[in-house]
Amino acid sequence: MEGVKFSPSFLQFARVLCESSPGWFCFHTYQQVSYMILQMVSPVTHAVGNCVKRVVVIVSSVFFFQTPVSPINGLGTAVALAGVFLYSRAKRIKPKVT
């Protein structure tokens, strides 16, 4: 069965639903999109993307809401970013098959 197409009218409908009852609809939509992405990529790539999403949420929170960052929080964010970078570099390096 085909899924919902993300047409402009559907996105408008989704925005109205999120404004009226944000909890259940937005979480359900998030889960559906997550499963759609998981079908297109490997589970490891999906997990790394989920970690990147969390880092983006933290960094945007710091910038937009001026959330104070302790040194240990900064270190944790740096380790997460370094891990994602190293993973992406390691994934590009493929062993030569002879």
N, C-alpha and C. Protein backbone atom coordinates (compact mmCIF):
# COMPACT_ATOMS: atom_id res chain seq x y z
N MET A 1 0.85 -1.18 0.00
CA MET A 1 0.00 0.00 0.00
C MET A 1 0.89 1.23 0.00
N GLU A 2 0.56 2.21 -0.79
CA GLU A 2 1.32 3.45 -0.86
C GLU A 2 1.12 4.26 0.42
N GLY A 3 2.18 4.96 0.81
CA GLY A 3 2.08 5.85 1.96
C GLY A 3 1.53 7.20 1.56
N VAL A 4 1.46 8.08 2.51
CA VAL A 4 0.97 9.43 2.28
C VAL A 4 2.00 10.22 1.50
N LYS A 5 1.57 10.94 0.49
CA LYS A 5 2.47 11.80 -0.26
C LYS A 5 2.58 13.13 0.47
N PHE A 6 3.78 13.67 0.57
CA PHE A 6 4.00 14.92 1.28
C PHE A 6 3.72 16.09 0.33
N SER A 7 2.47 16.23 -0.05
CA SER A 7 2.06 17.33 -0.92
C SER A 7 1.89 18.60 -0.07
N PRO A 8 1.83 19.75 -0.72
CA PRO A 8 1.62 20.99 0.06
C PRO A 8 0.34 20.96 0.88
N SER A 9 -0.73 20.36 0.34
CA SER A 9 -1.98 20.31 1.11
C SER A 9 -1.84 19.40 2.33
N PHE A 10 -1.11 18.28 2.19
CA PHE A 10 -0.90 17.41 3.34
C PHE A 10 -0.04 18.10 4.40
N LEU A 11 1.01 18.81 3.96
CA LEU A 11 1.86 19.51 4.92
C LEU A 11 1.09 20.60 5.65
N GLN A 12 0.17 21.29 4.97
CA GLN A 12 -0.68 22.29 5.62
C GLN A 12 -1.57 21.61 6.65
N PHE A 13 -2.16 20.48 6.28
CA PHE A 13 -3.01 19.71 7.19
C PHE A 13 -2.20 19.27 8.41
N ALA A 14 -0.98 18.80 8.19
CA ALA A 14 -0.12 18.35 9.29
C ALA A 14 0.22 19.51 10.22
N ARG A 15 0.49 20.67 9.65
CA ARG A 15 0.81 21.84 10.48
C ARG A 15 -0.37 22.21 11.36
N VAL A 16 -1.58 22.19 10.82
CA VAL A 16 -2.78 22.50 11.60
C VAL A 16 -2.96 21.48 12.72
N LEU A 17 -2.75 20.20 12.41
CA LEU A 17 -2.88 19.16 13.45
C LEU A 17 -1.82 19.33 14.54
N CYS A 18 -0.59 19.66 14.15
CA CYS A 18 0.47 19.84 15.14
C CYS A 18 0.19 21.03 16.05
N GLU A 19 -0.41 22.07 15.50
CA GLU A 19 -0.72 23.23 16.32
C GLU A 19 -1.86 22.94 17.29
N SER A 20 -2.82 22.13 16.87
CA SER A 20 -3.97 21.85 17.74
C SER A 20 -3.68 20.76 18.76
N SER A 21 -2.93 19.75 18.39
CA SER A 21 -2.61 18.66 19.33
C SER A 21 -1.22 18.13 18.99
N PRO A 22 -0.18 18.86 19.38
CA PRO A 22 1.17 18.53 18.90
C PRO A 22 1.72 17.19 19.36
N GLY A 23 1.36 16.72 20.53
CA GLY A 23 2.00 15.54 21.09
C GLY A 23 1.91 14.31 20.24
N TRP A 24 0.72 13.78 20.08
CA TRP A 24 0.57 12.48 19.44
C TRP A 24 0.86 12.54 17.96
N PHE A 25 0.38 13.56 17.24
CA PHE A 25 0.55 13.58 15.80
C PHE A 25 2.00 13.78 15.40
N CYS A 26 2.69 14.70 16.05
CA CYS A 26 4.09 14.96 15.69
C CYS A 26 4.96 13.75 16.02
N PHE A 27 4.71 13.10 17.16
CA PHE A 27 5.50 11.92 17.50
C PHE A 27 5.22 10.79 16.51
N HIS A 28 3.96 10.60 16.15
CA HIS A 28 3.60 9.55 15.19
C HIS A 28 4.27 9.82 13.84
N THR A 29 4.24 11.08 13.39
CA THR A 29 4.87 11.44 12.13
C THR A 29 6.38 11.21 12.19
N TYR A 30 6.98 11.59 13.31
CA TYR A 30 8.42 11.36 13.50
C TYR A 30 8.75 9.87 13.38
N GLN A 31 7.95 9.02 14.01
CA GLN A 31 8.19 7.58 13.96
C GLN A 31 8.03 7.04 12.54
N GLN A 32 7.02 7.50 11.83
CA GLN A 32 6.81 7.04 10.45
C GLN A 32 7.98 7.42 9.54
N VAL A 33 8.43 8.66 9.66
CA VAL A 33 9.56 9.11 8.85
C VAL A 33 10.81 8.33 9.22
N SER A 34 10.98 8.05 10.50
CA SER A 34 12.14 7.27 10.95
C SER A 34 12.14 5.87 10.32
N TYR A 35 10.98 5.22 10.28
CA TYR A 35 10.90 3.90 9.66
C TYR A 35 11.13 3.97 8.15
N MET A 36 10.64 5.03 7.52
CA MET A 36 10.87 5.19 6.08
C MET A 36 12.36 5.33 5.79
N ILE A 37 13.06 6.10 6.61
CA ILE A 37 14.50 6.28 6.43
C ILE A 37 15.23 4.97 6.69
N LEU A 38 14.80 4.23 7.71
CA LEU A 38 15.44 2.96 8.05
C LEU A 38 15.34 1.95 6.91
N GLN A 39 14.27 2.03 6.12
CA GLN A 39 14.14 1.14 4.97
C GLN A 39 15.13 1.49 3.86
N MET A 40 15.59 2.75 3.84
CA MET A 40 16.46 3.20 2.75
C MET A 40 17.95 3.09 3.10
N VAL A 41 18.31 3.03 4.37
CA VAL A 41 19.71 3.01 4.77
C VAL A 41 19.95 1.84 5.72
N SER A 42 21.22 1.58 6.01
CA SER A 42 21.54 0.49 6.93
C SER A 42 21.22 0.91 8.36
N PRO A 43 21.01 -0.05 9.25
CA PRO A 43 20.72 0.29 10.65
C PRO A 43 21.83 1.12 11.31
N VAL A 44 23.09 0.85 10.95
CA VAL A 44 24.19 1.62 11.55
C VAL A 44 24.13 3.07 11.09
N THR A 45 23.89 3.29 9.80
CA THR A 45 23.76 4.65 9.28
C THR A 45 22.59 5.36 9.93
N HIS A 46 21.50 4.66 10.14
CA HIS A 46 20.33 5.24 10.80
C HIS A 46 20.67 5.64 12.23
N ALA A 47 21.39 4.80 12.94
CA ALA A 47 21.78 5.11 14.32
C ALA A 47 22.71 6.32 14.37
N VAL A 48 23.65 6.39 13.43
CA VAL A 48 24.56 7.54 13.38
C VAL A 48 23.78 8.81 13.07
N GLY A 49 22.84 8.72 12.15
CA GLY A 49 21.99 9.87 11.84
C GLY A 49 21.19 10.32 13.04
N ASN A 50 20.72 9.38 13.83
CA ASN A 50 19.98 9.70 15.05
C ASN A 50 20.89 10.44 16.03
N CYS A 51 22.13 10.02 16.13
CA CYS A 51 23.09 10.72 17.01
C CYS A 51 23.36 12.13 16.50
N VAL A 52 23.49 12.27 15.18
CA VAL A 52 23.71 13.59 14.60
C VAL A 52 22.52 14.50 14.90
N LYS A 53 21.32 13.93 14.80
CA LYS A 53 20.12 14.71 15.10
C LYS A 53 20.16 15.24 16.52
N ARG A 54 20.59 14.42 17.45
CA ARG A 54 20.67 14.86 18.85
C ARG A 54 21.69 15.97 19.02
N VAL A 55 22.81 15.86 18.33
CA VAL A 55 23.84 16.91 18.41
C VAL A 55 23.29 18.21 17.83
N VAL A 56 22.57 18.13 16.72
CA VAL A 56 21.98 19.32 16.12
C VAL A 56 20.98 19.97 17.07
N VAL A 57 20.18 19.17 17.74
CA VAL A 57 19.22 19.71 18.72
C VAL A 57 19.96 20.41 19.86
N ILE A 58 21.04 19.81 20.34
CA ILE A 58 21.80 20.42 21.43
C ILE A 58 22.44 21.73 20.99
N VAL A 59 23.08 21.72 19.82
CA VAL A 59 23.76 22.92 19.34
C VAL A 59 22.76 24.04 19.05
N SER A 60 21.64 23.70 18.44
CA SER A 60 20.63 24.73 18.17
C SER A 60 20.03 25.26 19.46
N SER A 61 19.90 24.42 20.46
CA SER A 61 19.41 24.87 21.77
C SER A 61 20.37 25.87 22.39
N VAL A 62 21.66 25.61 22.24
CA VAL A 62 22.67 26.52 22.79
C VAL A 62 22.59 27.87 22.09
N PHE A 63 22.46 27.86 20.76
CA PHE A 63 22.45 29.10 20.00
C PHE A 63 21.14 29.87 20.15
N PHE A 64 20.01 29.20 19.98
CA PHE A 64 18.73 29.89 19.96
C PHE A 64 18.22 30.25 21.36
N PHE A 65 18.39 29.34 22.31
CA PHE A 65 17.86 29.58 23.66
C PHE A 65 18.93 29.99 24.66
N GLN A 66 20.17 30.11 24.18
CA GLN A 66 21.31 30.51 25.00
C GLN A 66 21.43 29.66 26.27
N THR A 67 21.30 28.35 26.06
CA THR A 67 21.45 27.40 27.15
C THR A 67 22.91 27.35 27.58
N PRO A 68 23.18 27.50 28.88
CA PRO A 68 24.58 27.45 29.31
C PRO A 68 25.17 26.04 29.11
N VAL A 69 26.44 26.01 28.72
CA VAL A 69 27.12 24.74 28.45
C VAL A 69 28.30 24.61 29.41
N SER A 70 28.30 23.52 30.16
CA SER A 70 29.42 23.26 31.06
C SER A 70 30.56 22.64 30.25
N PRO A 71 31.77 22.65 30.76
CA PRO A 71 32.88 22.03 30.03
C PRO A 71 32.65 20.56 29.70
N ILE A 72 32.02 19.82 30.60
CA ILE A 72 31.79 18.40 30.34
C ILE A 72 30.76 18.21 29.21
N ASN A 73 29.75 19.12 29.14
CA ASN A 73 28.79 19.07 28.03
C ASN A 73 29.47 19.37 26.71
N GLY A 74 30.35 20.36 26.71
CA GLY A 74 31.09 20.70 25.49
C GLY A 74 31.97 19.55 25.04
N LEU A 75 32.62 18.90 26.00
CA LEU A 75 33.47 17.75 25.68
C LEU A 75 32.64 16.60 25.10
N GLY A 76 31.50 16.34 25.69
CA GLY A 76 30.63 15.27 25.18
C GLY A 76 30.15 15.54 23.77
N THR A 77 29.79 16.79 23.50
CA THR A 77 29.35 17.16 22.16
C THR A 77 30.50 17.02 21.17
N ALA A 78 31.70 17.41 21.57
CA ALA A 78 32.87 17.29 20.69
C ALA A 78 33.18 15.82 20.40
N VAL A 79 33.07 14.97 21.40
CA VAL A 79 33.31 13.53 21.20
C VAL A 79 32.28 12.96 20.23
N ALA A 80 31.02 13.36 20.39
CA ALA A 80 29.97 12.87 19.49
C ALA A 80 30.22 13.31 18.06
N LEU A 81 30.58 14.57 17.87
CA LEU A 81 30.87 15.05 16.52
C LEU A 81 32.08 14.36 15.92
N ALA A 82 33.11 14.16 16.73
CA ALA A 82 34.31 13.47 16.25
C ALA A 82 33.98 12.03 15.86
N GLY A 83 33.15 11.37 16.64
CA GLY A 83 32.75 10.00 16.33
C GLY A 83 32.00 9.90 15.01
N VAL A 84 31.08 10.83 14.79
CA VAL A 84 30.33 10.84 13.53
C VAL A 84 31.28 11.11 12.36
N PHE A 85 32.20 12.04 12.53
CA PHE A 85 33.16 12.35 11.47
C PHE A 85 34.03 11.13 11.16
N LEU A 86 34.56 10.50 12.20
CA LEU A 86 35.42 9.34 11.98
C LEU A 86 34.67 8.17 11.36
N TYR A 87 33.41 7.99 11.75
CA TYR A 87 32.60 6.93 11.16
C TYR A 87 32.40 7.18 9.67
N SER A 88 32.08 8.43 9.32
CA SER A 88 31.86 8.72 7.91
C SER A 88 33.14 8.55 7.09
N ARG A 89 34.27 8.90 7.67
CA ARG A 89 35.56 8.70 6.98
C ARG A 89 35.86 7.21 6.83
N ALA A 90 35.63 6.43 7.88
CA ALA A 90 35.91 4.99 7.84
C ALA A 90 34.99 4.28 6.85
N LYS A 91 33.76 4.75 6.74
CA LYS A 91 32.82 4.12 5.82
C LYS A 91 33.22 4.35 4.36
N ARG A 92 33.88 5.49 4.08
CA ARG A 92 34.32 5.77 2.71
C ARG A 92 35.53 4.95 2.31
N ILE A 93 36.33 4.54 3.27
CA ILE A 93 37.52 3.75 2.98
C ILE A 93 37.09 2.29 2.83
N LYS A 94 37.23 1.78 1.64
CA LYS A 94 36.85 0.39 1.38
C LYS A 94 38.11 -0.41 1.14
N PRO A 95 38.19 -1.61 1.71
CA PRO A 95 39.37 -2.44 1.44
C PRO A 95 39.41 -2.85 -0.03
N LYS A 96 40.60 -2.88 -0.59
CA LYS A 96 40.77 -3.26 -1.99
C LYS A 96 40.63 -4.77 -2.11
N VAL A 97 39.72 -5.15 -2.99
CA VAL A 97 39.47 -6.57 -3.24
C VAL A 97 40.26 -6.97 -4.47
N THR A 98 41.11 -8.00 -4.33
CA THR A 98 41.93 -8.43 -5.46
C THR A 98 41.40 -9.67 -6.11
